[in-house]
Amino acid sequence: PIFGICLGPQLLGLAGGGQTFKLRFGHRGANQPVMNKATGKVEITSQNHGFALDAETLPETMEVTHFNLNDRTIEGIRHKEYPAFGVQYHPEASAGPHDSHYLFREFVEML
């Protein structure tokens, strides 16, 4: 199983044939709102990245799980066939303060 954090989902996307692009303004600091598509809940996140995955280039085997509410860029992906997922933000930073802890439980369940 793979749980990618920060650069992790970009690497998963690139490995699957997707592409990245440079953000005009990087996502920096705390209090970045991210929507979990499965639950509709908003997570308050800490971020520090200047690139994002291009949704148009993601392979059919990957689904977008989270997106940034400020600019609608991808913040999380999951592989549909293999136990691999990742989020662009930093759930270990506890910005929310515990909004993203469920991701670690999901990873442990995959193990």
PDB file of N, CA and C in Angstrom:
ATOM      1  N   PRO A   1       0.814  -1.211   0.000  1.00  0.00           N
ATOM      2  CA  PRO A   1       0.000   0.000   0.000  1.00  0.00           C
ATOM      3  C   PRO A   1       0.854   1.270   0.000  1.00  0.00           C
ATOM      4  N   ILE A   2       0.342   2.295  -0.637  1.00  0.00           N
ATOM      5  CA  ILE A   2       1.037   3.574  -0.730  1.00  0.00           C
ATOM      6  C   ILE A   2       0.113   4.689  -0.262  1.00  0.00           C
ATOM      7  N   PHE A   3       0.639   5.551   0.611  1.00  0.00           N
ATOM      8  CA  PHE A   3      -0.050   6.771   1.028  1.00  0.00           C
ATOM      9  C   PHE A   3       0.920   7.918   0.758  1.00  0.00           C
ATOM     10  N   GLY A   4       0.695   8.643  -0.323  1.00  0.00           N
ATOM     11  CA  GLY A   4       1.566   9.743  -0.696  1.00  0.00           C
ATOM     12  C   GLY A   4       1.103  11.054  -0.094  1.00  0.00           C
ATOM     13  N   ILE A   5       2.036  11.798   0.471  1.00  0.00           N
ATOM     14  CA  ILE A   5       1.742  13.105   1.063  1.00  0.00           C
ATOM     15  C   ILE A   5       2.589  14.151   0.345  1.00  0.00           C
ATOM     16  N   CYS A   6       1.994  15.282   0.019  1.00  0.00           N
ATOM     17  CA  CYS A   6       2.640  16.426  -0.629  1.00  0.00           C
ATOM     18  C   CYS A   6       3.028  16.073  -2.058  1.00  0.00           C
ATOM     19  N   LEU A   7       4.264  15.692  -2.308  1.00  0.00           N
ATOM     20  CA  LEU A   7       4.696  15.319  -3.656  1.00  0.00           C
ATOM     21  C   LEU A   7       4.146  13.942  -4.048  1.00  0.00           C
ATOM     22  N   GLY A   8       3.716  13.159  -3.067  1.00  0.00           N
ATOM     23  CA  GLY A   8       3.245  11.794  -3.299  1.00  0.00           C
ATOM     24  C   GLY A   8       2.169  11.646  -4.359  1.00  0.00           C
ATOM     25  N   PRO A   9       1.067  12.396  -4.302  1.00  0.00           N
ATOM     26  CA  PRO A   9       0.050  12.230  -5.340  1.00  0.00           C
ATOM     27  C   PRO A   9       0.532  12.670  -6.725  1.00  0.00           C
ATOM     28  N   GLN A  10       1.442  13.648  -6.756  1.00  0.00           N
ATOM     29  CA  GLN A  10       2.001  14.033  -8.056  1.00  0.00           C
ATOM     30  C   GLN A  10       2.793  12.869  -8.649  1.00  0.00           C
ATOM     31  N   LEU A  11       3.581  12.189  -7.809  1.00  0.00           N
ATOM     32  CA  LEU A  11       4.348  11.042  -8.287  1.00  0.00           C
ATOM     33  C   LEU A  11       3.434   9.902  -8.721  1.00  0.00           C
ATOM     34  N   LEU A  12       2.370   9.656  -7.965  1.00  0.00           N
ATOM     35  CA  LEU A  12       1.405   8.618  -8.361  1.00  0.00           C
ATOM     36  C   LEU A  12       0.770   8.963  -9.707  1.00  0.00           C
ATOM     37  N   GLY A  13       0.374  10.217  -9.862  1.00  0.00           N
ATOM     38  CA  GLY A  13      -0.231  10.648 -11.117  1.00  0.00           C
ATOM     39  C   GLY A  13       0.736  10.544 -12.282  1.00  0.00           C
ATOM     40  N   LEU A  14       1.980  10.979 -12.073  1.00  0.00           N
ATOM     41  CA  LEU A  14       2.994  10.889 -13.124  1.00  0.00           C
ATOM     42  C   LEU A  14       3.283   9.432 -13.488  1.00  0.00           C
ATOM     43  N   ALA A  15       3.351   8.562 -12.479  1.00  0.00           N
ATOM     44  CA  ALA A  15       3.605   7.143 -12.722  1.00  0.00           C
ATOM     45  C   ALA A  15       2.497   6.516 -13.553  1.00  0.00           C
ATOM     46  N   GLY A  16       1.285   7.035 -13.403  1.00  0.00           N
ATOM     47  CA  GLY A  16       0.155   6.517 -14.167  1.00  0.00           C
ATOM     48  C   GLY A  16      -0.005   7.154 -15.536  1.00  0.00           C
ATOM     49  N   GLY A  17       0.851   8.104 -15.867  1.00  0.00           N
ATOM     50  CA  GLY A  17       0.772   8.740 -17.177  1.00  0.00           C
ATOM     51  C   GLY A  17       0.217  10.147 -17.167  1.00  0.00           C
ATOM     52  N   GLY A  18      -0.120  10.663 -15.981  1.00  0.00           N
ATOM     53  CA  GLY A  18      -0.629  12.028 -15.882  1.00  0.00           C
ATOM     54  C   GLY A  18       0.482  13.050 -15.982  1.00  0.00           C
ATOM     55  N   GLN A  19       0.096  14.307 -15.966  1.00  0.00           N
ATOM     56  CA  GLN A  19       1.054  15.398 -16.046  1.00  0.00           C
ATOM     57  C   GLN A  19       0.784  16.406 -14.938  1.00  0.00           C
ATOM     58  N   THR A  20       1.809  17.184 -14.620  1.00  0.00           N
ATOM     59  CA  THR A  20       1.672  18.257 -13.644  1.00  0.00           C
ATOM     60  C   THR A  20       1.833  19.601 -14.351  1.00  0.00           C
ATOM     61  N   PHE A  21       1.439  20.660 -13.651  1.00  0.00           N
ATOM     62  CA  PHE A  21       1.648  22.008 -14.169  1.00  0.00           C
ATOM     63  C   PHE A  21       2.006  22.918 -13.000  1.00  0.00           C
ATOM     64  N   LYS A  22       2.688  24.005 -13.309  1.00  0.00           N
ATOM     65  CA  LYS A  22       3.102  24.965 -12.292  1.00  0.00           C
ATOM     66  C   LYS A  22       1.922  25.877 -11.972  1.00  0.00           C
ATOM     67  N   LEU A  23       1.637  25.990 -10.674  1.00  0.00           N
ATOM     68  CA  LEU A  23       0.583  26.894 -10.222  1.00  0.00           C
ATOM     69  C   LEU A  23       1.046  28.342 -10.377  1.00  0.00           C
ATOM     70  N   ARG A  24       0.136  29.209 -10.772  1.00  0.00           N
ATOM     71  CA  ARG A  24       0.490  30.627 -10.901  1.00  0.00           C
ATOM     72  C   ARG A  24       0.926  31.178  -9.541  1.00  0.00           C
ATOM     73  N   PHE A  25       0.157  30.823  -8.523  1.00  0.00           N
ATOM     74  CA  PHE A  25       0.498  31.165  -7.144  1.00  0.00           C
ATOM     75  C   PHE A  25       0.480  29.859  -6.375  1.00  0.00           C
ATOM     76  N   GLY A  26       1.600  29.464  -5.800  1.00  0.00           N
ATOM     77  CA  GLY A  26       1.656  28.208  -5.065  1.00  0.00           C
ATOM     78  C   GLY A  26       0.722  28.216  -3.864  1.00  0.00           C
ATOM     79  N   HIS A  27       0.463  27.054  -3.365  1.00  0.00           N
ATOM     80  CA  HIS A  27      -0.343  26.902  -2.151  1.00  0.00           C
ATOM     81  C   HIS A  27       0.623  26.855  -0.974  1.00  0.00           C
ATOM     82  N   ARG A  28       0.591  27.884  -0.171  1.00  0.00           N
ATOM     83  CA  ARG A  28       1.538  28.000   0.942  1.00  0.00           C
ATOM     84  C   ARG A  28       0.803  28.304   2.234  1.00  0.00           C
ATOM     85  N   GLY A  29       1.228  27.677   3.313  1.00  0.00           N
ATOM     86  CA  GLY A  29       0.724  28.005   4.635  1.00  0.00           C
ATOM     87  C   GLY A  29      -0.465  27.180   5.072  1.00  0.00           C
ATOM     88  N   ALA A  30      -1.029  27.594   6.195  1.00  0.00           N
ATOM     89  CA  ALA A  30      -2.164  26.893   6.809  1.00  0.00           C
ATOM     90  C   ALA A  30      -3.484  27.496   6.339  1.00  0.00           C
ATOM     91  N   ASN A  31      -4.554  26.870   6.738  1.00  0.00           N
ATOM     92  CA  ASN A  31      -5.915  27.344   6.479  1.00  0.00           C
ATOM     93  C   ASN A  31      -6.314  27.327   5.017  1.00  0.00           C
ATOM     94  N   GLN A  32      -5.825  26.328   4.276  1.00  0.00           N
ATOM     95  CA  GLN A  32      -6.225  26.133   2.887  1.00  0.00           C
ATOM     96  C   GLN A  32      -7.428  25.186   2.872  1.00  0.00           C
ATOM     97  N   PRO A  33      -8.589  25.612   2.361  1.00  0.00           N
ATOM     98  CA  PRO A  33      -9.771  24.749   2.357  1.00  0.00           C
ATOM     99  C   PRO A  33      -9.745  23.725   1.224  1.00  0.00           C
ATOM    100  N   VAL A  34      -9.977  22.464   1.595  1.00  0.00           N
ATOM    101  CA  VAL A  34      -9.986  21.358   0.642  1.00  0.00           C
ATOM    102  C   VAL A  34     -11.284  20.573   0.831  1.00  0.00           C
ATOM    103  N   MET A  35     -11.943  20.245  -0.285  1.00  0.00           N
ATOM    104  CA  MET A  35     -13.196  19.484  -0.247  1.00  0.00           C
ATOM    105  C   MET A  35     -12.913  18.007  -0.476  1.00  0.00           C
ATOM    106  N   ASN A  36     -13.445  17.165   0.413  1.00  0.00           N
ATOM    107  CA  ASN A  36     -13.408  15.715   0.246  1.00  0.00           C
ATOM    108  C   ASN A  36     -14.632  15.358  -0.602  1.00  0.00           C
ATOM    109  N   LYS A  37     -14.415  14.864  -1.811  1.00  0.00           N
ATOM    110  CA  LYS A  37     -15.520  14.596  -2.731  1.00  0.00           C
ATOM    111  C   LYS A  37     -16.461  13.508  -2.228  1.00  0.00           C
ATOM    112  N   ALA A  38     -15.931  12.530  -1.502  1.00  0.00           N
ATOM    113  CA  ALA A  38     -16.755  11.412  -1.036  1.00  0.00           C
ATOM    114  C   ALA A  38     -17.730  11.836   0.059  1.00  0.00           C
ATOM    115  N   THR A  39     -17.285  12.720   0.941  1.00  0.00           N
ATOM    116  CA  THR A  39     -18.121  13.093   2.083  1.00  0.00           C
ATOM    117  C   THR A  39     -18.748  14.475   1.953  1.00  0.00           C
ATOM    118  N   GLY A  40     -18.178  15.327   1.091  1.00  0.00           N
ATOM    119  CA  GLY A  40     -18.648  16.698   0.975  1.00  0.00           C
ATOM    120  C   GLY A  40     -18.154  17.596   2.089  1.00  0.00           C
ATOM    121  N   LYS A  41     -17.306  17.052   2.956  1.00  0.00           N
ATOM    122  CA  LYS A  41     -16.776  17.845   4.062  1.00  0.00           C
ATOM    123  C   LYS A  41     -15.568  18.660   3.613  1.00  0.00           C
ATOM    124  N   VAL A  42     -15.420  19.819   4.250  1.00  0.00           N
ATOM    125  CA  VAL A  42     -14.274  20.678   3.985  1.00  0.00           C
ATOM    126  C   VAL A  42     -13.241  20.454   5.073  1.00  0.00           C
ATOM    127  N   GLU A  43     -12.003  20.250   4.651  1.00  0.00           N
ATOM    128  CA  GLU A  43     -10.895  20.095   5.580  1.00  0.00           C
ATOM    129  C   GLU A  43     -10.034  21.351   5.508  1.00  0.00           C
ATOM    130  N   ILE A  44      -9.606  21.827   6.638  1.00  0.00           N
ATOM    131  CA  ILE A  44      -8.678  22.947   6.692  1.00  0.00           C
ATOM    132  C   ILE A  44      -7.280  22.351   6.738  1.00  0.00           C
ATOM    133  N   THR A  45      -6.452  22.708   5.766  1.00  0.00           N
ATOM    134  CA  THR A  45      -5.181  22.021   5.568  1.00  0.00           C
ATOM    135  C   THR A  45      -3.983  22.968   5.595  1.00  0.00           C
ATOM    136  N   SER A  46      -2.816  22.380   5.816  1.00  0.00           N
ATOM    137  CA  SER A  46      -1.532  23.066   5.662  1.00  0.00           C
ATOM    138  C   SER A  46      -0.931  22.610   4.337  1.00  0.00           C
ATOM    139  N   GLN A  47      -0.371  23.562   3.587  1.00  0.00           N
ATOM    140  CA  GLN A  47       0.164  23.222   2.276  1.00  0.00           C
ATOM    141  C   GLN A  47       1.460  23.958   1.992  1.00  0.00           C
ATOM    142  N   ASN A  48       2.258  23.367   1.099  1.00  0.00           N
ATOM    143  CA  ASN A  48       3.476  24.017   0.649  1.00  0.00           C
ATOM    144  C   ASN A  48       3.890  23.362  -0.674  1.00  0.00           C
ATOM    145  N   HIS A  49       3.240  23.759  -1.759  1.00  0.00           N
ATOM    146  CA  HIS A  49       3.593  23.209  -3.065  1.00  0.00           C
ATOM    147  C   HIS A  49       3.336  24.239  -4.162  1.00  0.00           C
ATOM    148  N   GLY A  50       4.044  24.074  -5.262  1.00  0.00           N
ATOM    149  CA  GLY A  50       3.938  24.998  -6.379  1.00  0.00           C
ATOM    150  C   GLY A  50       3.473  24.363  -7.667  1.00  0.00           C
ATOM    151  N   PHE A  51       3.196  23.042  -7.634  1.00  0.00           N
ATOM    152  CA  PHE A  51       2.719  22.330  -8.808  1.00  0.00           C
ATOM    153  C   PHE A  51       1.463  21.547  -8.441  1.00  0.00           C
ATOM    154  N   ALA A  52       0.679  21.176  -9.441  1.00  0.00           N
ATOM    155  CA  ALA A  52      -0.527  20.382  -9.226  1.00  0.00           C
ATOM    156  C   ALA A  52      -0.698  19.410 -10.387  1.00  0.00           C
ATOM    157  N   LEU A  53      -1.478  18.368 -10.155  1.00  0.00           N
ATOM    158  CA  LEU A  53      -1.797  17.419 -11.223  1.00  0.00           C
ATOM    159  C   LEU A  53      -2.811  18.036 -12.179  1.00  0.00           C
ATOM    160  N   ASP A  54      -2.652  17.724 -13.446  1.00  0.00           N
ATOM    161  CA  ASP A  54      -3.583  18.163 -14.480  1.00  0.00           C
ATOM    162  C   ASP A  54      -4.691  17.118 -14.585  1.00  0.00           C
ATOM    163  N   ALA A  55      -5.905  17.488 -14.220  1.00  0.00           N
ATOM    164  CA  ALA A  55      -7.034  16.548 -14.193  1.00  0.00           C
ATOM    165  C   ALA A  55      -7.308  15.936 -15.565  1.00  0.00           C
ATOM    166  N   GLU A  56      -7.076  16.692 -16.619  1.00  0.00           N
ATOM    167  CA  GLU A  56      -7.351  16.204 -17.976  1.00  0.00           C
ATOM    168  C   GLU A  56      -6.412  15.075 -18.395  1.00  0.00           C
ATOM    169  N   THR A  57      -5.286  14.931 -17.720  1.00  0.00           N
ATOM    170  CA  THR A  57      -4.296  13.930 -18.124  1.00  0.00           C
ATOM    171  C   THR A  57      -4.283  12.695 -17.227  1.00  0.00           C
ATOM    172  N   LEU A  58      -5.077  12.690 -16.170  1.00  0.00           N
ATOM    173  CA  LEU A  58      -5.082  11.524 -15.283  1.00  0.00           C
ATOM    174  C   LEU A  58      -5.654  10.308 -16.009  1.00  0.00           C
ATOM    175  N   PRO A  59      -5.060   9.141 -15.804  1.00  0.00           N
ATOM    176  CA  PRO A  59      -5.579   7.937 -16.449  1.00  0.00           C
ATOM    177  C   PRO A  59      -6.923   7.525 -15.838  1.00  0.00           C
ATOM    178  N   GLU A  60      -7.649   6.702 -16.569  1.00  0.00           N
ATOM    179  CA  GLU A  60      -8.960   6.209 -16.114  1.00  0.00           C
ATOM    180  C   GLU A  60      -8.865   5.428 -14.809  1.00  0.00           C
ATOM    181  N   THR A  61      -7.684   4.898 -14.508  1.00  0.00           N
ATOM    182  CA  THR A  61      -7.508   4.077 -13.313  1.00  0.00           C
ATOM    183  C   THR A  61      -7.374   4.904 -12.040  1.00  0.00           C
ATOM    184  N   MET A  62      -7.352   6.227 -12.170  1.00  0.00           N
ATOM    185  CA  MET A  62      -7.224   7.091 -10.992  1.00  0.00           C
ATOM    186  C   MET A  62      -8.413   8.025 -10.895  1.00  0.00           C
ATOM    187  N   GLU A  63      -8.825   8.257  -9.648  1.00  0.00           N
ATOM    188  CA  GLU A  63      -9.933   9.179  -9.424  1.00  0.00           C
ATOM    189  C   GLU A  63      -9.496  10.307  -8.503  1.00  0.00           C
ATOM    190  N   VAL A  64     -10.070  11.465  -8.730  1.00  0.00           N
ATOM    191  CA  VAL A  64      -9.812  12.618  -7.877  1.00  0.00           C
ATOM    192  C   VAL A  64     -10.666  12.462  -6.622  1.00  0.00           C
ATOM    193  N   THR A  65     -10.045  12.576  -5.458  1.00  0.00           N
ATOM    194  CA  THR A  65     -10.764  12.417  -4.193  1.00  0.00           C
ATOM    195  C   THR A  65     -10.937  13.733  -3.447  1.00  0.00           C
ATOM    196  N   HIS A  66     -10.039  14.695  -3.684  1.00  0.00           N
ATOM    197  CA  HIS A  66     -10.066  15.979  -2.991  1.00  0.00           C
ATOM    198  C   HIS A  66      -9.706  17.095  -3.967  1.00  0.00           C
ATOM    199  N   PHE A  67     -10.277  18.282  -3.753  1.00  0.00           N
ATOM    200  CA  PHE A  67      -9.889  19.422  -4.568  1.00  0.00           C
ATOM    201  C   PHE A  67      -9.847  20.683  -3.718  1.00  0.00           C
ATOM    202  N   ASN A  68      -9.040  21.632  -4.161  1.00  0.00           N
ATOM    203  CA  ASN A  68      -8.845  22.896  -3.459  1.00  0.00           C
ATOM    204  C   ASN A  68     -10.033  23.812  -3.747  1.00  0.00           C
ATOM    205  N   LEU A  69     -10.631  24.356  -2.714  1.00  0.00           N
ATOM    206  CA  LEU A  69     -11.788  25.226  -2.900  1.00  0.00           C
ATOM    207  C   LEU A  69     -11.418  26.619  -3.403  1.00  0.00           C
ATOM    208  N   ASN A  70     -10.161  26.995  -3.282  1.00  0.00           N
ATOM    209  CA  ASN A  70      -9.756  28.318  -3.772  1.00  0.00           C
ATOM    210  C   ASN A  70      -9.581  28.344  -5.282  1.00  0.00           C
ATOM    211  N   ASP A  71      -8.990  27.292  -5.845  1.00  0.00           N
ATOM    212  CA  ASP A  71      -8.727  27.314  -7.288  1.00  0.00           C
ATOM    213  C   ASP A  71      -9.146  26.038  -8.015  1.00  0.00           C
ATOM    214  N   ARG A  72      -9.796  25.118  -7.312  1.00  0.00           N
ATOM    215  CA  ARG A  72     -10.326  23.873  -7.885  1.00  0.00           C
ATOM    216  C   ARG A  72      -9.254  22.911  -8.399  1.00  0.00           C
ATOM    217  N   THR A  73      -8.010  23.062  -7.967  1.00  0.00           N
ATOM    218  CA  THR A  73      -6.974  22.125  -8.385  1.00  0.00           C
ATOM    219  C   THR A  73      -7.065  20.838  -7.562  1.00  0.00           C
ATOM    220  N   ILE A  74      -6.477  19.788  -8.099  1.00  0.00           N
ATOM    221  CA  ILE A  74      -6.506  18.482  -7.448  1.00  0.00           C
ATOM    222  C   ILE A  74      -5.686  18.521  -6.162  1.00  0.00           C
ATOM    223  N   GLU A  75      -6.274  18.006  -5.090  1.00  0.00           N
ATOM    224  CA  GLU A  75      -5.588  17.903  -3.795  1.00  0.00           C
ATOM    225  C   GLU A  75      -5.479  16.461  -3.332  1.00  0.00           C
ATOM    226  N   GLY A  76      -6.149  15.533  -4.008  1.00  0.00           N
ATOM    227  CA  GLY A  76      -6.054  14.125  -3.619  1.00  0.00           C
ATOM    228  C   GLY A  76      -6.502  13.215  -4.745  1.00  0.00           C
ATOM    229  N   ILE A  77      -5.835  12.055  -4.848  1.00  0.00           N
ATOM    230  CA  ILE A  77      -6.209  11.050  -5.841  1.00  0.00           C
ATOM    231  C   ILE A  77      -6.165   9.664  -5.200  1.00  0.00           C
ATOM    232  N   ARG A  78      -6.819   8.728  -5.860  1.00  0.00           N
ATOM    233  CA  ARG A  78      -6.835   7.326  -5.416  1.00  0.00           C
ATOM    234  C   ARG A  78      -6.801   6.450  -6.658  1.00  0.00           C
ATOM    235  N   HIS A  79      -6.001   5.384  -6.581  1.00  0.00           N
ATOM    236  CA  HIS A  79      -5.965   4.405  -7.668  1.00  0.00           C
ATOM    237  C   HIS A  79      -7.177   3.501  -7.514  1.00  0.00           C
ATOM    238  N   LYS A  80      -7.859   3.199  -8.587  1.00  0.00           N
ATOM    239  CA  LYS A  80      -9.084   2.394  -8.536  1.00  0.00           C
ATOM    240  C   LYS A  80      -8.818   0.902  -8.392  1.00  0.00           C
ATOM    241  N   GLU A  81      -7.630   0.445  -8.766  1.00  0.00           N
ATOM    242  CA  GLU A  81      -7.333  -0.989  -8.738  1.00  0.00           C
ATOM    243  C   GLU A  81      -6.343  -1.397  -7.653  1.00  0.00           C
ATOM    244  N   TYR A  82      -5.412  -0.515  -7.323  1.00  0.00           N
ATOM    245  CA  TYR A  82      -4.355  -0.839  -6.371  1.00  0.00           C
ATOM    246  C   TYR A  82      -4.505  -0.027  -5.085  1.00  0.00           C
ATOM    247  N   PRO A  83      -3.956  -0.517  -3.979  1.00  0.00           N
ATOM    248  CA  PRO A  83      -4.056   0.212  -2.708  1.00  0.00           C
ATOM    249  C   PRO A  83      -3.076   1.385  -2.652  1.00  0.00           C
ATOM    250  N   ALA A  84      -3.414   2.433  -3.389  1.00  0.00           N
ATOM    251  CA  ALA A  84      -2.539   3.605  -3.457  1.00  0.00           C
ATOM    252  C   ALA A  84      -3.393   4.866  -3.510  1.00  0.00           C
ATOM    253  N   PHE A  85      -3.067   5.822  -2.655  1.00  0.00           N
ATOM    254  CA  PHE A  85      -3.758   7.111  -2.663  1.00  0.00           C
ATOM    255  C   PHE A  85      -2.811   8.169  -2.118  1.00  0.00           C
ATOM    256  N   GLY A  86      -3.183   9.405  -2.288  1.00  0.00           N
ATOM    257  CA  GLY A  86      -2.350  10.480  -1.772  1.00  0.00           C
ATOM    258  C   GLY A  86      -3.085  11.798  -1.732  1.00  0.00           C
ATOM    259  N   VAL A  87      -2.577  12.684  -0.896  1.00  0.00           N
ATOM    260  CA  VAL A  87      -3.119  14.038  -0.802  1.00  0.00           C
ATOM    261  C   VAL A  87      -1.986  15.038  -0.953  1.00  0.00           C
ATOM    262  N   GLN A  88      -2.276  16.127  -1.623  1.00  0.00           N
ATOM    263  CA  GLN A  88      -1.282  17.148  -1.917  1.00  0.00           C
ATOM    264  C   GLN A  88      -0.900  17.952  -0.677  1.00  0.00           C
ATOM    265  N   TYR A  89      -1.789  18.003   0.292  1.00  0.00           N
ATOM    266  CA  TYR A  89      -1.561  18.800   1.498  1.00  0.00           C
ATOM    267  C   TYR A  89      -0.872  17.958   2.575  1.00  0.00           C
ATOM    268  N   HIS A  90      -0.768  18.518   3.777  1.00  0.00           N
ATOM    269  CA  HIS A  90      -0.047  17.858   4.864  1.00  0.00           C
ATOM    270  C   HIS A  90      -0.999  17.492   6.010  1.00  0.00           C
ATOM    271  N   PRO A  91      -1.585  16.290   5.968  1.00  0.00           N
ATOM    272  CA  PRO A  91      -2.492  15.892   7.046  1.00  0.00           C
ATOM    273  C   PRO A  91      -1.792  15.722   8.389  1.00  0.00           C
ATOM    274  N   GLU A  92      -0.489  15.472   8.367  1.00  0.00           N
ATOM    275  CA  GLU A  92       0.265  15.315   9.615  1.00  0.00           C
ATOM    276  C   GLU A  92       0.459  16.643  10.331  1.00  0.00           C
ATOM    277  N   ALA A  93       0.202  17.757   9.650  1.00  0.00           N
ATOM    278  CA  ALA A  93       0.383  19.080  10.259  1.00  0.00           C
ATOM    279  C   ALA A  93      -0.795  19.473  11.146  1.00  0.00           C
ATOM    280  N   SER A  94      -1.914  18.781  11.038  1.00  0.00           N
ATOM    281  CA  SER A  94      -3.093  18.995  11.886  1.00  0.00           C
ATOM    282  C   SER A  94      -3.580  20.441  11.883  1.00  0.00           C
ATOM    283  N   ALA A  95      -3.697  21.005  10.709  1.00  0.00           N
ATOM    284  CA  ALA A  95      -4.149  22.403  10.627  1.00  0.00           C
ATOM    285  C   ALA A  95      -5.580  22.566  11.095  1.00  0.00           C
ATOM    286  N   GLY A  96      -6.375  21.518  10.994  1.00  0.00           N
ATOM    287  CA  GLY A  96      -7.814  21.607  11.183  1.00  0.00           C
ATOM    288  C   GLY A  96      -8.458  21.597  12.539  1.00  0.00           C
ATOM    289  N   PRO A  97      -8.003  21.102  13.653  1.00  0.00           N
ATOM    290  CA  PRO A  97      -6.713  20.486  13.927  1.00  0.00           C
ATOM    291  C   PRO A  97      -6.662  18.984  13.650  1.00  0.00           C
ATOM    292  N   HIS A  98      -7.825  18.346  13.482  1.00  0.00           N
ATOM    293  CA  HIS A  98      -7.814  16.900  13.256  1.00  0.00           C
ATOM    294  C   HIS A  98      -8.635  16.516  12.029  1.00  0.00           C
ATOM    295  N   ASP A  99      -8.835  17.447  11.129  1.00  0.00           N
ATOM    296  CA  ASP A  99      -9.706  17.231   9.976  1.00  0.00           C
ATOM    297  C   ASP A  99      -9.279  16.057   9.107  1.00  0.00           C
ATOM    298  N   SER A 100      -7.987  15.801   9.014  1.00  0.00           N
ATOM    299  CA  SER A 100      -7.477  14.818   8.054  1.00  0.00           C
ATOM    300  C   SER A 100      -6.934  13.542   8.681  1.00  0.00           C
ATOM    301  N   HIS A 101      -7.148  13.339   9.970  1.00  0.00           N
ATOM    302  CA  HIS A 101      -6.617  12.140  10.624  1.00  0.00           C
ATOM    303  C   HIS A 101      -7.194  10.849  10.054  1.00  0.00           C
ATOM    304  N   TYR A 102      -8.388  10.901   9.495  1.00  0.00           N
ATOM    305  CA  TYR A 102      -9.008   9.702   8.928  1.00  0.00           C
ATOM    306  C   TYR A 102      -8.147   9.082   7.828  1.00  0.00           C
ATOM    307  N   LEU A 103      -7.325   9.899   7.156  1.00  0.00           N
ATOM    308  CA  LEU A 103      -6.470   9.382   6.086  1.00  0.00           C
ATOM    309  C   LEU A 103      -5.474   8.357   6.624  1.00  0.00           C
ATOM    310  N   PHE A 104      -4.953   8.595   7.803  1.00  0.00           N
ATOM    311  CA  PHE A 104      -4.007   7.652   8.402  1.00  0.00           C
ATOM    312  C   PHE A 104      -4.715   6.359   8.793  1.00  0.00           C
ATOM    313  N   ARG A 105      -5.972   6.453   9.258  1.00  0.00           N
ATOM    314  CA  ARG A 105      -6.740   5.248   9.558  1.00  0.00           C
ATOM    315  C   ARG A 105      -6.989   4.442   8.290  1.00  0.00           C
ATOM    316  N   GLU A 106      -7.312   5.126   7.192  1.00  0.00           N
ATOM    317  CA  GLU A 106      -7.523   4.434   5.907  1.00  0.00           C
ATOM    318  C   GLU A 106      -6.264   3.700   5.465  1.00  0.00           C
ATOM    319  N   PHE A 107      -5.121   4.347   5.653  1.00  0.00           N
ATOM    320  CA  PHE A 107      -3.859   3.714   5.257  1.00  0.00           C
ATOM    321  C   PHE A 107      -3.578   2.480   6.109  1.00  0.00           C
ATOM    322  N   VAL A 108      -3.785   2.576   7.416  1.00  0.00           N
ATOM    323  CA  VAL A 108      -3.562   1.444   8.305  1.00  0.00           C
ATOM    324  C   VAL A 108      -4.488   0.295   7.922  1.00  0.00           C
ATOM    325  N   GLU A 109      -5.727   0.582   7.566  1.00  0.00           N
ATOM    326  CA  GLU A 109      -6.660  -0.466   7.133  1.00  0.00           C
ATOM    327  C   GLU A 109      -6.178  -1.147   5.865  1.00  0.00           C
ATOM    328  N   MET A 110      -5.536  -0.381   4.965  1.00  0.00           N
ATOM    329  CA  MET A 110      -4.987  -0.982   3.733  1.00  0.00           C
ATOM    330  C   MET A 110      -3.874  -1.976   4.050  1.00  0.00           C
ATOM    331  N   LEU A 111      -3.107  -1.674   5.119  1.00  0.00           N
ATOM    332  CA  LEU A 111      -1.998  -2.545   5.487  1.00  0.00           C
ATOM    333  C   LEU A 111      -2.527  -3.896   5.952  1.00  0.00           C
TER     334      LEU A 111
END
